[in-house]
Protein backbone atom coordinates (compact mmCIF):
# COMPACT_ATOMS: atom_id res chain seq x y z
CA UNK A 1 -33.50 -5.21 -45.37
CA UNK A 2 -35.03 -2.29 -47.23
CA UNK A 3 -37.68 0.13 -46.00
CA UNK A 4 -38.85 1.24 -49.46
CA UNK A 5 -39.52 4.72 -48.14
CA UNK A 6 -41.72 7.19 -49.99
CA UNK A 7 -40.12 10.55 -49.14
CA UNK A 8 -42.46 12.77 -51.14
CA UNK A 9 -44.05 14.10 -47.93
CA UNK A 10 -40.74 14.63 -46.14
CA UNK A 11 -39.73 18.21 -45.42
CA UNK A 12 -36.21 19.63 -45.72
CA UNK A 13 -35.27 21.35 -42.41
CA UNK A 14 -32.17 22.50 -40.59
CA UNK A 15 -31.39 21.45 -37.03
CA UNK A 16 -31.97 25.06 -36.03
CA UNK A 17 -35.59 24.77 -37.24
CA UNK A 18 -36.43 21.79 -35.04
CA UNK A 19 -33.83 21.46 -32.24
CA UNK A 20 -33.07 23.50 -29.11
CA UNK A 21 -29.54 23.81 -27.74
CA UNK A 22 -30.16 23.47 -24.00
CA UNK A 23 -27.89 25.67 -21.88
CA UNK A 24 -29.25 25.08 -18.37
CA UNK A 25 -26.30 26.31 -16.34
CA UNK A 26 -25.70 24.99 -12.81
CA UNK A 27 -22.85 24.86 -10.29
CA UNK A 28 -21.57 21.30 -10.00
CA UNK A 29 -20.82 21.44 -6.26
CA UNK A 30 -24.14 22.98 -5.20
CA UNK A 31 -26.46 21.50 -7.83
CA UNK A 32 -27.33 18.42 -5.81
CA UNK A 33 -26.55 16.29 -8.86
CA UNK A 34 -24.41 13.18 -8.45
CA UNK A 35 -23.03 12.39 -11.90
CA UNK A 36 -21.14 14.16 -14.66
CA UNK A 37 -20.21 13.12 -18.17
CA UNK A 38 -16.91 13.99 -19.81
CA UNK A 39 -15.99 13.07 -23.38
CA UNK A 40 -14.36 9.82 -22.31
CA UNK A 41 -17.62 8.64 -20.72
CA UNK A 42 -19.53 8.95 -24.00
CA UNK A 43 -18.74 6.03 -26.34
CA UNK A 44 -18.28 6.24 -30.10
CA UNK A 45 -21.12 4.85 -32.21
CA UNK A 46 -23.13 3.81 -29.17
CA UNK A 47 -26.16 5.66 -27.80
CA UNK A 48 -25.98 4.08 -24.34
CA UNK A 49 -23.87 5.35 -21.45
CA UNK A 50 -22.36 2.92 -18.98
CA UNK A 51 -19.68 5.09 -17.33
CA UNK A 52 -19.68 8.48 -15.64
CA UNK A 53 -17.86 10.61 -13.12
CA UNK A 54 -19.12 11.19 -9.60
CA UNK A 55 -19.34 14.81 -8.48
CA UNK A 56 -17.37 15.36 -5.29
CA UNK A 57 -15.31 12.23 -5.79
CA UNK A 58 -13.78 12.48 -9.26
CA UNK A 59 -11.89 15.49 -10.67
CA UNK A 60 -14.23 17.76 -12.63
CA UNK A 61 -13.17 20.77 -14.71
CA UNK A 62 -14.46 24.33 -14.21
CA UNK A 63 -16.21 24.28 -17.60
CA UNK A 64 -18.60 21.55 -16.52
CA UNK A 65 -21.81 23.46 -15.87
CA UNK A 66 -24.39 22.22 -18.39
CA UNK A 67 -27.25 20.25 -16.87
CA UNK A 68 -28.76 17.43 -18.89
CA UNK A 69 -31.83 15.37 -18.14
CA UNK A 70 -32.88 11.80 -19.03
CA UNK A 71 -33.71 11.54 -22.72
CA UNK A 72 -31.70 14.56 -23.79
CA UNK A 73 -29.39 13.94 -26.74
CA UNK A 74 -25.72 14.66 -26.05
CA UNK A 75 -23.35 15.41 -28.89
CA UNK A 76 -19.60 15.82 -28.26
CA UNK A 77 -18.48 18.64 -30.55
CA UNK A 78 -14.73 18.08 -30.03
CA UNK A 79 -13.03 15.65 -32.42
CA UNK A 80 -16.23 14.99 -34.32
CA UNK A 81 -14.61 12.10 -36.16
CA UNK A 82 -15.15 10.09 -32.98
CA UNK A 83 -18.92 10.08 -33.68
CA UNK A 84 -20.04 10.52 -30.07
CA UNK A 85 -23.82 10.75 -29.67
CA UNK A 86 -25.58 9.44 -26.57
CA UNK A 87 -28.89 9.47 -24.73
CA UNK A 88 -28.48 9.43 -20.91
CA UNK A 89 -30.99 7.67 -18.67
CA UNK A 90 -30.08 9.88 -15.71
CA UNK A 91 -29.66 13.53 -14.84
CA UNK A 92 -26.25 15.14 -14.57
CA UNK A 93 -23.74 17.73 -15.74
CA UNK A 94 -21.56 17.85 -18.80
CA UNK A 95 -18.89 20.16 -20.22
CA UNK A 96 -19.27 23.17 -22.46
CA UNK A 97 -18.08 21.26 -25.55
CA UNK A 98 -20.91 18.75 -25.34
CA UNK A 99 -24.16 19.98 -26.85
CA UNK A 100 -27.32 19.12 -24.92
CA UNK A 101 -30.13 18.89 -27.44
CA UNK A 102 -33.91 18.51 -27.36
CA UNK A 103 -36.71 18.94 -29.85
CA UNK A 104 -38.30 22.38 -30.14
CA UNK A 105 -41.73 20.86 -30.69
CA UNK A 106 -42.73 17.21 -30.28
CA UNK A 107 -45.42 17.81 -32.91
CA UNK A 108 -42.69 18.47 -35.47
CA UNK A 109 -39.73 16.31 -34.35
CA UNK A 110 -39.99 13.44 -31.89
CA UNK A 111 -37.30 13.50 -29.20
CA UNK A 112 -36.82 9.75 -29.63
CA UNK A 113 -36.14 10.23 -33.36
CA UNK A 114 -33.48 12.93 -32.83
CA UNK A 115 -30.63 10.57 -31.75
CA UNK A 116 -30.80 8.84 -35.12
CA UNK A 117 -30.67 12.11 -37.05
CA UNK A 118 -27.28 12.63 -35.38
CA UNK A 119 -26.17 9.01 -35.75
CA UNK A 120 -26.37 8.87 -39.53
CA UNK A 121 -23.08 8.77 -41.42
CA UNK A 122 -24.34 11.68 -43.53
CA UNK A 123 -24.46 13.84 -40.38
CA UNK A 124 -21.02 12.73 -39.21
CA UNK A 125 -19.54 13.52 -42.62
CA UNK A 126 -21.05 17.01 -42.39
CA UNK A 127 -19.74 17.52 -38.83
CA UNK A 128 -16.22 16.42 -39.77
CA UNK A 129 -16.19 18.58 -42.91
CA UNK A 130 -17.29 21.68 -40.97
CA UNK A 131 -15.06 21.24 -37.92
CA UNK A 132 -12.48 23.91 -37.21
CA UNK A 133 -8.89 23.41 -36.11
CA UNK A 134 -6.45 20.69 -37.00
CA UNK A 135 -5.02 19.36 -33.73
CA UNK A 136 -8.27 19.23 -31.76
CA UNK A 137 -11.06 20.01 -34.26
CA UNK A 138 -14.42 21.22 -32.99
CA UNK A 139 -17.84 22.19 -34.30
CA UNK A 140 -19.64 25.38 -33.27
CA UNK A 141 -23.34 25.41 -32.50
CA UNK A 142 -23.97 27.70 -35.48
CA UNK A 143 -22.40 25.20 -37.86
CA UNK A 144 -24.18 22.30 -36.24
CA UNK A 145 -27.51 24.15 -36.38
CA UNK A 146 -27.13 24.74 -40.12
CA UNK A 147 -27.15 21.00 -40.86
CA UNK A 148 -29.96 20.19 -43.31
CA UNK A 149 -31.85 16.92 -43.53
CA UNK A 150 -35.19 15.57 -44.70
CA UNK A 151 -37.67 15.14 -41.84
CA UNK A 152 -40.42 12.52 -42.17
CA UNK A 153 -44.01 13.14 -40.99
CA UNK A 154 -44.64 12.33 -37.31
CA UNK A 155 -46.20 8.93 -37.89
CA UNK A 156 -43.20 7.82 -39.96
CA UNK A 157 -40.80 9.24 -37.37
CA UNK A 158 -42.56 7.12 -34.76
CA UNK A 159 -42.36 3.96 -36.88
CA UNK A 160 -38.71 4.50 -37.74
CA UNK A 161 -37.79 5.38 -34.15
CA UNK A 162 -39.54 2.24 -32.89
CA UNK A 163 -37.58 0.12 -35.36
CA UNK A 164 -34.22 1.75 -34.66
CA UNK A 165 -34.65 1.65 -30.88
CA UNK A 166 -35.66 -2.03 -31.12
CA UNK A 167 -32.38 -2.71 -32.93
CA UNK A 168 -30.50 -0.72 -30.29
CA UNK A 169 -32.14 -2.65 -27.44
CA UNK A 170 -31.34 -5.91 -29.21
CA UNK A 171 -27.71 -4.82 -29.62
CA UNK A 172 -27.46 -3.91 -25.94
CA UNK A 173 -28.84 -7.32 -24.98
CA UNK A 174 -26.18 -8.98 -27.15
CA UNK A 175 -23.46 -6.82 -25.55
CA UNK A 176 -24.67 -7.82 -22.07
CA UNK A 177 -24.76 -11.46 -23.13
CA UNK A 178 -21.17 -11.25 -24.36
CA UNK A 179 -20.07 -9.56 -21.13
CA UNK A 180 -21.86 -12.19 -19.03
CA UNK A 181 -20.22 -15.01 -20.99
CA UNK A 182 -16.81 -13.37 -20.56
CA UNK A 183 -17.32 -13.05 -16.81
CA UNK A 184 -18.57 -16.63 -16.50
CA UNK A 185 -15.63 -17.88 -18.55
CA UNK A 186 -13.16 -16.04 -16.33
CA UNK A 187 -14.64 -17.59 -13.20
CA UNK A 188 -14.73 -21.05 -14.76
CA UNK A 189 -11.11 -20.71 -15.95
CA UNK A 190 -9.95 -19.70 -12.49
CA UNK A 191 -11.80 -22.57 -10.81
CA UNK A 192 -10.61 -25.13 -13.40
CA UNK A 193 -6.97 -24.13 -12.99
CA UNK A 194 -7.21 -24.19 -9.20
CA UNK A 195 -7.86 -27.93 -9.45
CA UNK A 196 -4.38 -28.50 -10.88
CA UNK A 197 -0.99 -28.84 -9.25
CA UNK A 198 1.23 -26.07 -10.55
CA UNK A 199 4.43 -28.05 -10.42
CA UNK A 200 5.58 -27.70 -14.04
CA UNK A 201 7.78 -25.02 -15.51
CA UNK A 202 7.35 -23.70 -19.03
CA UNK A 203 10.69 -25.20 -19.97
CA UNK A 204 9.32 -28.65 -18.98
CA UNK A 205 6.76 -28.61 -21.82
CA UNK A 206 9.00 -27.27 -24.61
CA UNK A 207 10.18 -29.66 -27.33
CA UNK A 208 13.91 -30.40 -27.17
CA UNK A 209 14.31 -29.91 -30.92
CA UNK A 210 12.55 -26.52 -30.92
CA UNK A 211 13.85 -24.64 -27.88
CA UNK A 212 12.31 -21.49 -26.50
CA UNK A 213 13.52 -18.47 -28.46
CA UNK A 214 12.74 -14.90 -29.42
CA UNK A 215 12.66 -13.56 -32.98
CA UNK A 216 14.38 -11.24 -35.41
CA UNK A 217 16.28 -8.38 -33.80
CA UNK A 218 16.88 -6.28 -36.92
CA UNK A 219 14.20 -7.10 -39.50
CA UNK A 220 15.15 -4.29 -41.88
CA UNK A 221 12.75 -2.66 -44.30
CA UNK A 222 9.59 -4.27 -45.59
CA UNK A 223 10.05 -6.16 -48.86
CA UNK A 224 7.37 -7.27 -51.30
CA UNK A 225 8.51 -10.84 -51.95
CA UNK A 226 9.82 -11.92 -48.58
CA UNK A 227 9.03 -13.95 -45.49
CA UNK A 228 6.12 -12.91 -43.30
CA UNK A 229 7.07 -11.49 -39.89
CA UNK A 230 4.60 -11.67 -37.00
CA UNK A 231 4.87 -8.74 -34.59
CA UNK A 232 3.15 -7.95 -31.28
CA UNK A 233 0.92 -5.41 -32.98
CA UNK A 234 -0.35 -8.15 -35.31
CA UNK A 235 -1.82 -9.93 -32.27
CA UNK A 236 -3.68 -6.88 -31.03
CA UNK A 237 -7.06 -8.04 -32.31
CA UNK A 238 -6.49 -11.66 -31.33
CA UNK A 239 -5.22 -13.19 -34.58
CA UNK A 240 -2.95 -11.70 -37.24
CA UNK A 241 -3.93 -11.37 -40.89
CA UNK A 242 -1.47 -13.13 -43.17
CA UNK A 243 -1.77 -10.61 -46.01
CA UNK A 244 -1.03 -7.70 -43.66
CA UNK A 245 2.21 -9.04 -42.19
CA UNK A 246 5.43 -7.15 -42.72
CA UNK A 247 7.88 -9.15 -44.88
CA UNK A 248 11.59 -9.56 -44.29
CA UNK A 249 14.19 -10.65 -46.80
CA UNK A 250 15.02 -14.32 -47.28
CA UNK A 251 18.55 -13.55 -46.09
CA UNK A 252 17.34 -12.12 -42.77
CA UNK A 253 14.94 -15.04 -42.32
CA UNK A 254 17.79 -17.47 -42.95
CA UNK A 255 19.87 -15.72 -40.31
CA UNK A 256 17.01 -16.24 -37.81
CA UNK A 257 15.78 -19.63 -39.01
CA UNK A 258 15.70 -20.82 -35.40
CA UNK A 259 12.64 -18.65 -34.76
CA UNK A 260 10.56 -19.72 -37.75
CA UNK A 261 7.12 -20.75 -36.63
CA UNK A 262 4.95 -23.79 -37.32
CA UNK A 263 1.35 -24.73 -36.69
CA UNK A 264 0.93 -25.56 -33.01
CA UNK A 265 3.54 -23.12 -31.74
CA UNK A 266 2.39 -20.62 -29.15
CA UNK A 267 3.64 -17.03 -29.33
CA UNK A 268 4.00 -14.85 -26.25
CA UNK A 269 4.81 -11.14 -26.29
CA UNK A 270 7.80 -10.35 -24.09
CA UNK A 271 8.62 -6.69 -24.88
CA UNK A 272 6.33 -3.70 -24.38
CA UNK A 273 3.01 -5.46 -24.11
CA UNK A 274 3.70 -8.47 -21.90
CA UNK A 275 1.77 -11.73 -22.14
CA UNK A 276 -0.24 -11.33 -25.35
CA UNK A 277 -0.55 -14.85 -26.77
CA UNK A 278 -1.55 -16.57 -29.98
CA UNK A 279 -1.69 -20.18 -31.16
CA UNK A 280 -0.05 -20.39 -34.61
CA UNK A 281 -2.28 -21.80 -37.36
CA UNK A 282 -1.20 -23.70 -40.48
CA UNK A 283 -1.54 -20.59 -42.70
CA UNK A 284 1.48 -19.04 -40.96
CA UNK A 285 3.75 -22.06 -41.29
CA UNK A 286 7.25 -20.83 -42.20
CA UNK A 287 6.78 -17.23 -41.12
CA UNK A 288 9.17 -15.68 -38.63
CA UNK A 289 8.63 -13.56 -35.52
CA UNK A 290 9.89 -10.24 -34.22
CA UNK A 291 12.24 -9.79 -31.26
CA UNK A 292 9.33 -8.82 -29.02
CA UNK A 293 7.78 -12.27 -29.35
CA UNK A 294 8.84 -15.58 -27.87
CA UNK A 295 8.10 -18.89 -29.59
CA UNK A 296 6.99 -21.80 -27.42
CA UNK A 297 6.80 -25.19 -29.16
CA UNK A 298 5.06 -27.54 -26.69
CA UNK A 299 5.63 -31.28 -26.57
CA UNK A 300 2.16 -32.74 -27.20
CA UNK A 301 3.01 -35.73 -24.98
CA UNK A 302 3.11 -33.33 -22.04
CA UNK A 303 0.75 -30.50 -22.96
CA UNK A 304 -1.32 -29.80 -26.05
CA UNK A 305 -0.69 -26.53 -27.83
CA UNK A 306 -4.29 -25.39 -27.38
CA UNK A 307 -4.23 -26.14 -23.65
CA UNK A 308 -0.92 -24.30 -23.27
CA UNK A 309 -2.29 -21.32 -25.18
CA UNK A 310 -5.34 -21.24 -22.92
CA UNK A 311 -3.20 -21.46 -19.75
CA UNK A 312 -0.81 -18.73 -20.89
CA UNK A 313 -3.76 -16.42 -21.60
CA UNK A 314 -5.32 -17.03 -18.18
CA UNK A 315 -5.39 -14.25 -15.61
CA UNK A 316 -3.12 -16.19 -13.26
CA UNK A 317 -0.30 -16.57 -15.78
CA UNK A 318 -0.83 -13.11 -17.30
CA UNK A 319 -0.32 -11.52 -13.89
CA UNK A 320 2.74 -13.68 -13.26
CA UNK A 321 4.30 -12.69 -16.59
CA UNK A 322 3.56 -9.00 -16.06
CA UNK A 323 5.04 -9.14 -12.55
CA UNK A 324 8.17 -10.95 -13.71
CA UNK A 325 8.95 -8.39 -16.44
CA UNK A 326 11.53 -5.71 -15.72
CA UNK A 327 11.31 -2.09 -16.77
CA UNK A 328 14.04 -0.48 -18.83
CA UNK A 329 13.22 1.57 -21.93
CA UNK A 330 10.26 -0.78 -22.33
CA UNK A 331 8.92 -3.59 -20.20
CA UNK A 332 10.81 -6.75 -21.04
CA UNK A 333 10.51 -10.37 -19.99
CA UNK A 334 13.71 -12.39 -20.21
CA UNK A 335 13.49 -15.82 -21.84
CA UNK A 336 15.05 -17.40 -18.76
CA UNK A 337 12.28 -15.94 -16.61
CA UNK A 338 9.60 -17.03 -19.09
CA UNK A 339 11.08 -20.55 -19.06
CA UNK A 340 10.63 -20.68 -15.28
CA UNK A 341 6.98 -19.59 -15.19
CA UNK A 342 4.81 -22.13 -13.35
CA UNK A 343 2.31 -24.18 -15.33
CA UNK A 344 -0.29 -26.72 -14.22
CA UNK A 345 0.36 -30.41 -14.67
CA UNK A 346 -2.77 -31.91 -16.18
CA UNK A 347 -3.62 -35.30 -17.62
CA UNK A 348 -4.52 -35.65 -21.28
CA UNK A 349 -8.13 -36.36 -20.27
CA UNK A 350 -8.30 -33.23 -18.13
CA UNK A 351 -6.84 -31.14 -20.93
CA UNK A 352 -9.31 -32.52 -23.46
CA UNK A 353 -12.37 -32.07 -21.24
CA UNK A 354 -11.28 -28.57 -20.27
CA UNK A 355 -10.85 -27.54 -23.89
CA UNK A 356 -14.24 -29.02 -24.76
CA UNK A 357 -15.91 -26.95 -22.05
CA UNK A 358 -13.96 -23.90 -23.12
CA UNK A 359 -15.27 -24.34 -26.67
CA UNK A 360 -18.83 -23.83 -25.48
CA UNK A 361 -17.90 -20.43 -24.00
CA UNK A 362 -16.06 -19.50 -27.17
CA UNK A 363 -19.02 -20.45 -29.34
CA UNK A 364 -21.42 -18.43 -27.19
CA UNK A 365 -19.20 -15.35 -27.32
CA UNK A 366 -18.70 -15.65 -31.07
CA UNK A 367 -22.45 -15.87 -31.53
CA UNK A 368 -22.98 -12.72 -29.45
CA UNK A 369 -20.25 -10.83 -31.30
CA UNK A 370 -21.56 -11.85 -34.70
CA UNK A 371 -24.99 -10.70 -33.61
CA UNK A 372 -23.62 -7.33 -32.50
CA UNK A 373 -21.82 -6.83 -35.82
CA UNK A 374 -24.94 -7.78 -37.77
CA UNK A 375 -27.08 -5.32 -35.80
CA UNK A 376 -24.58 -2.50 -36.26
CA UNK A 377 -24.49 -3.20 -39.97
CA UNK A 378 -28.30 -3.28 -40.12
CA UNK A 379 -28.57 0.04 -38.28
CA UNK A 380 -25.99 1.69 -40.52
CA UNK A 381 -27.83 0.49 -43.62
CA UNK A 382 -31.18 1.76 -42.35
CA UNK A 383 -29.75 5.15 -41.36
CA UNK A 384 -28.24 5.51 -44.83
CA UNK A 385 -31.58 4.67 -46.42
CA UNK A 386 -33.46 7.11 -44.17
CA UNK A 387 -31.07 10.06 -44.23
CA UNK A 388 -28.90 9.34 -47.24
CA UNK A 389 -25.24 8.42 -47.36
CA UNK A 390 -22.25 10.67 -46.76
CA UNK A 391 -22.13 13.46 -49.37
């Protein structure tokens, strides 16, 4: 999508020319206000606010004295690389390191256009480049105010703001849809599992020729031409990426050949992060696993790999695994304890119908997530076209 903008009538300005830094100082305890916003309440790359602190209930620092009102633009000047810009829909208090901004004159700069001036990658690049300090970098108001950009005429500001806010509202709707699907899926999973008798143990579903095991204890250094090693961190985003796996030598892999993985195995994290799971796909056939992972090879005559993966990822089993782990240097779940974890006994028909229903939730969530990614990409492209890319 291209806007084909004619910028000949646009005027180069600085933020100082068109924006006011609001410093309405109030006392949190006597202000009568209910909410406050700290840095952690303001999300990165997201204009909407869904979390806040409650004055009188939650701890609030002495430097929280700046009142903001609905529609103000908040910019967190600490750690500018986090790209925190937001527009609250309520009144409250924020800290001294969050700038509260409003237009100086609505006949020059529309308040609803301002959030996008500060959301462009060009602005973030400027803020990062002009931040002071190395450990906890920050941007002063004077440096922020000196930021230059090309300001469209009012009618174009209105058109562009309408478009960008429409994209933002669409994105929020997709986020809510994804959250609703996740909540519905959790309830459905709980109710589906409650229908089962939990009279199996994990060891009852493991193939006799591929016993439960953990992986390589001492993998050694990464080698270029080796055997891929799946670690807990590789499962952080759900599925690992084959090309990004650490590689171990053939000799080390041979020493730990018992823990090589095959399509249909289920991996479970048992050290540090407990209970993270993944169903091995064919691409990873022949890779090995780290010590912090356990390999479960289910007997398909008893339980399908996909059904087992779904059960192990359920809240009921996740809580059981977390509870059964012991704390030493890091949380650890012994294989013997994992082998004794209760599982539901379910017929092949029940497993198949459950997985079919689960697929509908998965498809709905994937659709919502793809939509969110597409909208973020569209917004980034439009902001780059309007304000220019990072310089």
